[in-house]
Protein backbone atom coordinates (compact mmCIF):
# COMPACT_ATOMS: atom_id res chain seq x y z
CA MET A 1 61.64 113.47 16.41
CA ALA A 2 59.31 111.39 18.58
CA GLU A 3 60.61 109.83 21.79
CA LEU A 4 59.20 107.95 24.76
CA PHE A 5 58.51 109.75 28.02
CA LEU A 6 59.28 107.43 30.95
CA MET A 7 57.88 107.33 34.46
CA PRO A 8 60.66 108.95 36.54
CA ALA A 9 62.48 107.02 39.24
CA VAL A 10 61.08 108.95 42.18
CA ALA A 11 63.23 107.37 44.91
CA ALA A 12 65.85 104.74 45.35
CA ASP A 13 63.52 102.62 47.49
CA THR A 14 60.29 103.26 45.56
CA ALA A 15 59.70 101.13 42.47
CA THR A 16 56.30 102.55 41.48
CA ALA A 17 54.30 105.77 41.50
CA VAL A 18 50.70 106.69 40.75
CA LEU A 19 49.94 108.82 37.69
CA SER A 20 47.63 111.43 39.25
CA ALA A 21 46.76 113.62 36.24
CA TRP A 22 47.98 114.67 32.83
CA GLN A 23 48.62 118.42 32.76
CA VAL A 24 48.90 118.56 28.95
CA ALA A 25 46.27 117.10 26.61
CA PRO A 26 47.28 114.70 23.80
CA GLY A 27 48.18 116.72 20.71
CA ALA A 28 48.81 119.90 22.72
CA PRO A 29 52.14 121.75 22.64
CA PHE A 30 54.23 122.54 25.73
CA THR A 31 57.30 124.57 26.50
CA LYS A 32 60.36 123.83 28.63
CA ASP A 33 59.56 123.68 32.37
CA ASP A 34 55.81 123.26 31.75
CA ALA A 35 54.28 120.57 33.97
CA LEU A 36 53.52 117.53 31.84
CA VAL A 37 52.09 115.15 34.43
CA SER A 38 51.39 114.97 38.16
CA ILE A 39 52.52 111.83 39.95
CA GLU A 40 51.86 110.71 43.50
CA THR A 41 54.93 109.31 45.18
CA ASP A 42 55.47 107.85 48.63
CA LYS A 43 56.35 111.31 49.89
CA ALA A 44 54.33 113.85 47.94
CA GLU A 45 52.33 114.63 44.85
CA VAL A 46 54.73 116.25 42.42
CA ASP A 47 54.63 117.72 38.95
CA VAL A 48 57.09 116.42 36.37
CA ALA A 49 58.23 119.22 34.08
CA ALA A 50 59.34 119.11 30.45
CA ASP A 51 63.04 119.56 29.79
CA ARG A 52 62.45 121.07 26.33
CA ASP A 53 59.75 122.47 24.06
CA GLY A 54 57.58 119.93 22.26
CA VAL A 55 54.16 118.38 21.78
CA LEU A 56 52.42 115.52 23.62
CA LEU A 57 51.70 113.12 20.77
CA ALA A 58 50.00 110.41 22.86
CA THR A 59 49.50 109.18 26.41
CA LEU A 60 49.90 105.48 27.19
CA TYR A 61 48.38 105.38 30.68
CA GLU A 62 45.35 106.93 32.30
CA ALA A 63 45.23 108.93 35.52
CA GLY A 64 45.06 106.62 38.51
CA ALA A 65 47.41 103.95 37.17
CA GLU A 66 50.22 102.70 39.39
CA ILE A 67 53.26 102.43 37.14
CA GLU A 68 56.77 101.09 37.58
CA ALA A 69 59.64 103.53 37.24
CA GLY A 70 61.17 103.49 33.76
CA THR A 71 57.94 102.42 32.04
CA PRO A 72 56.96 104.48 28.95
CA ILE A 73 53.90 106.56 29.78
CA ALA A 74 53.68 108.92 26.78
CA VAL A 75 55.13 109.80 23.39
CA LEU A 76 56.65 113.26 22.99
CA GLY A 77 57.38 114.99 19.68
CA ALA A 78 59.36 118.00 18.57
CA ALA A 79 57.68 121.40 18.58
CA GLY A 80 55.21 121.55 15.69
CA GLU A 81 55.22 117.80 15.08
CA ARG A 82 51.81 116.29 14.38
CA PRO A 83 50.69 112.82 15.54
CA GLY A 84 50.36 110.33 12.70
CA ASP A 85 49.86 106.59 12.84
CA LEU A 86 50.23 105.94 16.57
CA GLY A 87 50.58 102.18 16.14
CA ALA A 88 53.40 102.54 13.63
CA LEU A 89 55.09 105.17 15.78
CA LEU A 90 55.00 102.97 18.87
CA ALA A 91 56.30 100.01 16.90
CA GLU A 92 59.18 102.16 15.67
CA LEU A 93 59.95 103.11 19.28
CA GLY A 94 59.82 99.48 20.39
CA VAL A 95 56.52 99.65 22.29
CA ASP A 96 53.48 97.46 21.60
CA ALA A 97 50.69 99.42 19.98
CA PRO A 98 47.46 99.90 21.95
CA ALA A 99 44.26 98.27 20.79
CA ALA A 100 42.95 101.53 19.38
CA ALA A 101 44.78 104.71 18.46
CA GLY A 102 44.52 107.33 21.15
CA ARG A 103 43.24 104.92 23.80
CA ALA A 104 45.12 105.16 27.08
CA VAL A 105 46.70 101.84 27.93
CA ARG A 106 46.98 100.54 31.48
CA ARG A 107 48.95 97.65 32.91
CA ASP A 108 45.79 96.05 34.27
CA VAL A 109 45.78 92.29 34.76
CA PRO A 110 43.32 89.71 36.07
CA GLU A 111 43.09 89.33 39.83
CA ASP A 112 45.74 86.73 40.54
CA PRO A 113 47.87 86.23 43.65
CA ALA A 114 50.90 85.79 41.42
CA ALA A 115 50.31 89.19 39.86
CA ASP A 116 51.96 91.02 42.74
CA ARG A 117 55.26 89.17 42.51
CA PRO A 118 58.26 91.35 41.60
CA ARG A 119 58.70 91.63 37.87
CA THR A 120 60.49 93.66 35.28
CA ALA A 121 58.69 96.62 33.74
CA PRO A 122 56.94 95.41 30.58
CA ALA A 123 55.95 97.61 27.69
CA PRO A 124 52.28 98.66 28.00
CA ALA A 125 49.93 96.22 26.33
CA ALA A 126 46.24 96.57 25.59
CA PRO A 127 44.16 94.59 28.09
CA ALA A 128 41.14 92.64 27.02
CA PRO A 129 37.86 93.89 28.44
CA ALA A 130 36.53 92.14 31.52
CA GLY A 131 33.35 90.16 31.37
CA PRO A 132 31.88 86.70 31.08
CA GLU A 133 33.28 86.33 27.57
CA HIS A 134 36.74 86.22 29.12
CA GLY A 135 36.06 83.34 31.43
CA GLY A 136 34.83 85.47 34.34
CA ARG A 137 38.26 87.02 34.90
CA VAL A 138 38.19 90.36 36.66
CA PHE A 139 40.59 92.98 35.31
CA SER A 140 41.87 95.53 37.82
CA SER A 141 44.78 97.87 38.30
CA PRO A 142 47.57 96.87 40.70
CA LEU A 143 46.69 99.87 42.86
CA ALA A 144 43.03 98.84 43.00
CA ARG A 145 43.95 95.29 44.06
CA ARG A 146 46.24 96.54 46.80
CA LEU A 147 43.67 99.02 48.12
CA ALA A 148 40.99 96.31 48.06
CA ARG A 149 43.17 93.96 50.12
CA GLU A 150 43.94 96.69 52.63
CA ALA A 151 40.24 97.56 52.92
CA GLY A 152 39.22 93.91 53.31
CA LEU A 153 37.22 93.89 50.06
CA ASP A 154 36.92 91.11 47.50
CA VAL A 155 38.00 92.73 44.24
CA THR A 156 36.12 90.08 42.23
CA ALA A 157 32.85 91.33 43.76
CA LEU A 158 33.36 94.96 42.66
CA THR A 159 31.97 96.67 39.58
CA GLY A 160 34.56 98.40 37.44
CA THR A 161 34.05 101.84 35.92
CA GLY A 162 37.38 102.04 34.12
CA PRO A 163 37.88 101.48 30.39
CA GLY A 164 36.56 98.06 29.38
CA GLY A 165 34.96 97.61 32.81
CA ARG A 166 38.30 97.47 34.64
CA ILE A 167 38.31 98.05 38.39
CA VAL A 168 40.23 101.18 39.32
CA ARG A 169 40.98 103.05 42.52
CA ARG A 170 37.74 105.03 42.58
CA ASP A 171 35.75 101.77 42.47
CA VAL A 172 37.51 100.44 45.57
CA GLU A 173 37.12 103.73 47.42
CA ALA A 174 33.42 103.89 46.53
CA ALA A 175 32.87 100.30 47.68
CA ALA A 176 34.67 100.94 50.97
CA ALA A 177 32.61 104.09 51.58
CA ALA A 178 29.37 102.24 50.79
CA ARG A 179 30.30 99.44 53.17
CA ASP A 180 31.09 101.90 55.97
CA THR A 181 27.81 103.75 55.38
CA ALA A 182 25.87 100.50 55.46
CA GLY A 183 27.64 99.49 58.65
CA ALA A 184 26.73 102.76 60.33
CA ALA A 185 23.10 102.38 59.24
CA SER A 186 22.93 98.87 60.64
CA GLN A 187 23.97 100.22 64.03
CA ALA A 188 21.19 102.81 64.14
CA PRO A 189 18.52 102.11 66.80
CA ALA A 190 15.52 100.14 65.51
CA PRO A 191 11.95 101.40 66.04
CA LEU A 192 10.51 100.54 69.45
CA ALA A 193 8.44 97.35 69.55
CA PRO A 194 7.12 95.13 72.35
CA ALA A 195 9.91 92.85 73.49
CA PRO A 196 9.16 89.12 73.47
CA ALA A 197 8.99 87.45 76.85
CA THR A 198 12.19 85.49 76.15
CA ALA A 199 14.19 88.20 74.38
CA ALA A 200 17.91 87.49 74.24
CA PRO A 201 20.27 90.11 75.68
CA ALA A 202 21.61 92.63 73.19
CA PRO A 203 25.21 92.04 72.12
CA ALA A 204 27.80 94.18 73.86
CA THR A 205 29.17 97.13 71.89
CA THR A 206 32.23 99.29 72.31
CA PRO A 207 32.39 103.10 72.13
CA ALA A 208 34.04 102.71 68.71
CA ASP A 209 30.97 100.85 67.47
CA THR A 210 28.42 103.42 68.61
CA GLY A 211 30.15 106.81 68.47
CA ALA A 212 29.58 109.17 65.57
CA HIS A 213 32.64 109.25 63.35
CA THR A 214 33.97 109.96 59.88
CA ASP A 215 36.41 107.62 58.13
CA ILE A 216 38.94 109.45 55.96
CA PRO A 217 40.47 107.08 53.38
CA HIS A 218 44.25 106.88 53.49
CA SER A 219 46.02 108.71 50.70
CA ARG A 220 49.09 107.08 49.20
CA MET A 221 51.20 109.73 50.92
CA ARG A 222 49.61 109.21 54.36
CA ARG A 223 49.97 105.45 54.05
CA ALA A 224 53.60 105.84 52.99
CA ILE A 225 54.35 108.12 55.95
CA ALA A 226 52.84 105.57 58.30
CA THR A 227 54.78 102.71 56.73
CA ARG A 228 58.14 104.46 56.60
CA LEU A 229 58.01 105.83 60.15
CA THR A 230 56.75 102.53 61.57
CA GLU A 231 59.64 100.76 59.87
CA SER A 232 62.00 103.43 61.20
CA LYS A 233 60.93 102.83 64.80
CA GLN A 234 61.01 99.06 64.32
CA HIS A 235 64.33 98.74 62.50
CA THR A 236 66.34 101.88 63.33
CA PRO A 237 67.91 101.82 66.81
CA HIS A 238 67.08 105.34 68.03
CA PHE A 239 68.80 107.06 70.90
CA TYR A 240 68.09 110.59 72.08
CA LEU A 241 70.15 113.52 73.35
CA ARG A 242 68.63 116.68 74.83
CA ALA A 243 70.07 120.16 75.16
CA THR A 244 68.94 123.62 76.21
CA CYS A 245 70.42 126.53 74.26
CA ALA A 246 70.54 130.15 75.34
CA VAL A 247 69.19 132.10 72.36
CA ALA A 248 69.24 135.77 73.41
CA GLU A 249 72.19 136.52 71.12
CA LEU A 250 70.66 134.46 68.29
CA LEU A 251 67.43 136.46 68.46
CA ALA A 252 69.34 139.73 68.59
CA LEU A 253 71.38 138.70 65.53
CA ARG A 254 68.18 137.84 63.68
CA GLU A 255 66.81 141.33 64.33
CA ARG A 256 70.00 142.93 62.99
CA ILE A 257 69.98 140.72 59.89
CA ASN A 258 66.32 141.43 59.15
CA ALA A 259 66.96 145.15 59.40
CA VAL A 260 69.14 144.98 56.27
CA SER A 261 68.31 141.68 54.54
CA PRO A 262 66.03 141.71 51.46
CA VAL A 263 64.47 138.46 52.72
CA LYS A 264 63.26 137.93 56.27
CA VAL A 265 65.29 135.36 58.17
CA SER A 266 63.58 133.09 60.69
CA VAL A 267 64.99 131.45 63.79
CA ASN A 268 64.71 128.14 61.94
CA ASP A 269 66.94 129.43 59.12
CA LEU A 270 69.65 130.25 61.67
CA LEU A 271 69.24 126.83 63.28
CA VAL A 272 69.63 125.10 59.91
CA LYS A 273 72.89 127.00 59.44
CA ALA A 274 73.96 125.93 62.94
CA VAL A 275 73.28 122.30 62.00
CA ALA A 276 75.55 122.67 58.97
CA THR A 277 78.23 124.28 61.15
CA ALA A 278 78.10 121.35 63.57
CA HIS A 279 78.26 118.88 60.67
CA THR A 280 81.45 120.48 59.36
CA GLN A 281 83.00 120.30 62.84
CA VAL A 282 81.87 116.72 63.46
CA PRO A 283 81.87 115.12 59.98
CA GLU A 284 81.18 111.67 61.45
CA MET A 285 77.56 112.82 61.87
CA ASN A 286 77.25 113.60 58.16
CA ALA A 287 76.66 109.96 57.30
CA VAL A 288 73.99 107.33 56.71
CA TRP A 289 73.83 103.57 57.26
CA ARG A 290 74.06 101.39 54.17
CA PRO A 291 73.96 97.57 54.20
CA GLU A 292 77.49 97.37 52.89
CA ALA A 293 79.11 100.43 54.53
CA VAL A 294 78.64 103.68 56.43
CA ARG A 295 78.35 106.33 53.72
CA ARG A 296 79.88 109.68 54.72
CA PHE A 297 79.09 112.77 52.65
CA ASP A 298 81.34 115.64 51.65
CA ALA A 299 78.64 118.33 51.33
CA VAL A 300 76.13 119.10 54.09
CA ASP A 301 72.58 118.55 52.81
CA VAL A 302 69.86 119.27 55.37
CA SER A 303 66.16 118.35 55.09
CA VAL A 304 63.63 120.85 56.41
CA ALA A 305 60.26 119.48 57.55
CA VAL A 306 57.31 121.24 55.85
CA ALA A 307 53.71 120.57 56.88
CA THR A 308 51.15 120.39 54.05
CA ASP A 309 47.47 119.50 53.87
CA LYS A 310 48.40 116.01 52.65
CA GLY A 311 51.14 115.32 55.17
CA LEU A 312 54.73 116.10 56.09
CA VAL A 313 57.38 116.46 53.39
CA THR A 314 61.10 117.04 53.84
CA PRO A 315 62.72 118.88 50.90
CA VAL A 316 66.51 118.95 51.01
CA LEU A 317 68.68 122.07 51.08
CA ARG A 318 71.95 121.29 49.26
CA GLY A 319 75.39 122.46 50.34
CA VAL A 320 74.14 124.38 53.38
CA GLU A 321 77.70 124.83 54.67
CA ASN A 322 78.33 127.21 51.75
CA LEU A 323 75.02 129.11 51.88
CA SER A 324 74.44 132.45 53.57
CA VAL A 325 71.61 132.69 56.07
CA SER A 326 69.57 134.80 53.64
CA ALA A 327 70.08 132.19 50.89
CA ILE A 328 68.85 129.48 53.29
CA ALA A 329 65.77 131.62 54.03
CA THR A 330 65.05 132.16 50.33
CA ARG A 331 65.37 128.50 49.39
CA THR A 332 63.41 127.26 52.39
CA ARG A 333 60.47 129.54 51.59
CA ALA A 334 60.53 128.50 47.94
CA PHE A 335 60.45 124.84 48.99
CA ALA A 336 57.56 125.48 51.40
CA GLU A 337 55.50 127.24 48.72
CA ARG A 338 56.11 124.47 46.20
CA ALA A 339 55.39 121.76 48.76
CA ARG A 340 52.01 123.24 49.66
CA ALA A 341 51.19 123.64 45.97
CA GLY A 342 52.18 120.02 45.25
CA ALA A 343 54.92 121.22 42.90
CA LEU A 344 58.02 119.61 44.41
CA HIS A 345 60.21 117.55 42.10
CA PRO A 346 61.24 114.02 43.11
CA ALA A 347 64.89 115.12 43.33
CA ASP A 348 63.92 117.77 45.91
CA LEU A 349 63.12 115.03 48.41
CA GLU A 350 66.19 112.84 48.01
CA GLY A 351 69.40 112.84 50.03
CA GLY A 352 70.56 114.50 53.21
CA SER A 353 71.77 112.97 56.46
CA ILE A 354 69.71 115.00 58.96
CA THR A 355 66.31 116.72 59.17
CA VAL A 356 65.31 119.79 61.16
CA SER A 357 61.73 119.63 62.48
CA ASN A 358 60.51 122.76 64.28
CA LEU A 359 57.25 122.89 66.27
CA GLY A 360 58.26 125.93 68.29
CA MET A 361 55.80 128.15 66.44
CA TYR A 362 53.01 126.09 68.03
CA GLY A 363 54.32 126.66 71.55
CA VAL A 364 55.69 123.13 71.92
CA GLU A 365 58.51 123.20 74.46
CA GLU A 366 60.10 119.86 73.61
CA PHE A 367 59.43 116.72 71.57
CA ALA A 368 61.32 113.75 70.18
CA ALA A 369 61.01 113.10 66.44
CA ILE A 370 61.28 109.85 64.46
CA ILE A 371 64.23 109.58 62.10
CA ASN A 372 63.33 109.84 58.41
CA PRO A 373 65.12 106.86 56.80
CA PRO A 374 67.70 106.50 55.42
CA GLN A 375 68.96 109.59 57.23
CA ALA A 376 70.95 109.20 60.44
CA ALA A 377 69.40 111.92 62.62
CA ILE A 378 66.60 114.40 63.12
CA LEU A 379 66.72 117.52 65.29
CA ALA A 380 63.43 118.41 67.01
CA VAL A 381 63.20 122.10 67.91
CA GLY A 382 60.87 123.53 70.55
CA ALA A 383 59.79 127.07 71.36
CA ALA A 384 62.07 129.78 72.73
CA ARG A 385 60.89 130.67 76.24
CA ASP A 386 61.93 132.55 79.36
CA GLU A 387 63.31 130.27 82.03
CA ALA A 388 65.12 130.64 85.35
CA VAL A 389 68.79 129.68 85.00
CA VAL A 390 71.78 129.82 87.30
CA ARG A 391 74.73 131.94 86.16
CA ASP A 392 77.79 132.64 88.31
CA GLY A 393 75.94 131.31 91.32
CA ALA A 394 72.93 133.59 90.88
CA VAL A 395 69.46 132.84 89.54
CA THR A 396 68.47 134.90 86.54
CA VAL A 397 65.93 134.78 83.72
CA ALA A 398 67.19 133.82 80.25
CA LYS A 399 65.63 133.10 76.87
CA VAL A 400 66.25 129.41 76.13
CA LEU A 401 65.30 126.88 73.48
CA GLY A 402 65.05 123.11 73.93
CA VAL A 403 66.18 120.64 71.28
CA VAL A 404 66.11 116.84 71.10
CA LEU A 405 68.47 115.00 68.75
CA SER A 406 67.26 111.57 67.60
CA VAL A 407 70.15 109.48 66.26
CA ASP A 408 70.53 106.19 64.41
CA HIS A 409 72.96 104.20 66.57
CA ARG A 410 74.18 102.07 63.64
CA PRO A 411 76.35 104.73 61.89
CA VAL A 412 76.73 107.10 64.86
CA ASP A 413 77.96 106.37 68.39
CA GLY A 414 76.77 108.24 71.45
CA ALA A 415 80.06 110.11 71.94
CA VAL A 416 79.98 111.38 68.35
CA ALA A 417 76.40 112.61 68.74
CA ALA A 418 77.31 114.29 72.03
CA ARG A 419 80.21 116.17 70.37
CA TRP A 420 77.86 117.19 67.56
CA LEU A 421 75.23 118.51 69.97
CA SER A 422 77.91 120.44 71.86
CA ALA A 423 79.11 122.02 68.58
CA PHE A 424 75.51 122.88 67.63
CA THR A 425 74.84 124.49 71.01
CA GLU A 426 78.06 126.49 70.75
CA ALA A 427 77.06 127.77 67.31
CA VAL A 428 73.60 128.78 68.53
CA GLU A 429 74.87 130.55 71.64
CA ASN A 430 77.66 132.31 69.73
CA PRO A 431 75.84 132.97 66.45
CA VAL A 432 78.33 135.37 64.90
CA ARG A 433 80.08 132.33 63.43
CA LEU A 434 76.92 131.62 61.41
CA VAL A 435 77.43 134.76 59.31
CA VAL A 436 81.21 134.71 58.81
């Protein structure tokens, strides 16, 4: 039986997502867990998988469209079902039929300042083609209009290459690139010629005007990272606590575990377990700020920062307090592989009250990280190094690791964070408790 396939709600604070690509062609069958569509969210590009076997009867939006969560984007049928009268089928499902069967429908509207006001998600409707016969109105996607504004371009002056002459993202990106190329050419030195006797002085330039450079357009993910972290620094009252942990016993435990474990355990895996241990001992840290209340969680969910070619993502390990160290290692590696392949699911990125960000593998001794909202803390981990320390009145060399805890002061007070950091340090320096 045919049913509508809706744009998933990718995050509580994200109302829209960009449809990057259809992974199944209209009329083609698919099986459970096959990727149906790739969508670009504020945090990553993810594949949305099928929850059953079936066939993709029709798509209602093209790749590149920015679509509100909950909007129908395709029609799915049972395995073996054949597409019939698409218009009648959509009418039966309560969706307006497109102008022509099989044509992808986009929620493109004329350029209008009122078009960006909040609105409820309408059923897709077939837009009229742009052109003089429509009163000179310029039809463009919401994403194209937003990108044009951010690039300082007049969308009404662009030429659309989308269906019916609509302006889409690639048109804005091409126009921005052409403008930048023209600007660079205009700054090239002109051929030498005799200067007039009353030549005016050349205008002053800055190094940014004259230096060779390459402009890399912002991806949705990069722009979202910039926006979210800027808002975090502006609106989240950060405070920072630093600690130095002796890690000789932790490193020795890791060697013993890896001698028998089927999966190799990293220092970071042990630190994630130590974070969960500290959260169980200081449950006041396992919380986030909400406008109406401080929300405290029962389970310990920890985000792990993973660097990808497109930016940083933070998949969430669930119930870490009940996981073995080898299970943490297995799940973390699976998340990292999926993140770099762009195969994370939206649910993988939601939740958690703290993130672990480790730059120790790059030799960084210490750094302070920005809290990933709406979480309440992030632990920045540096490299393990030999350092002179004083023990029992004598100077000796010990292997130590520096950490910086960034905390949201709204749900967590300084004394609570200090107790948490003390519990974390104790777990790291006496790591046997991490495996019992």
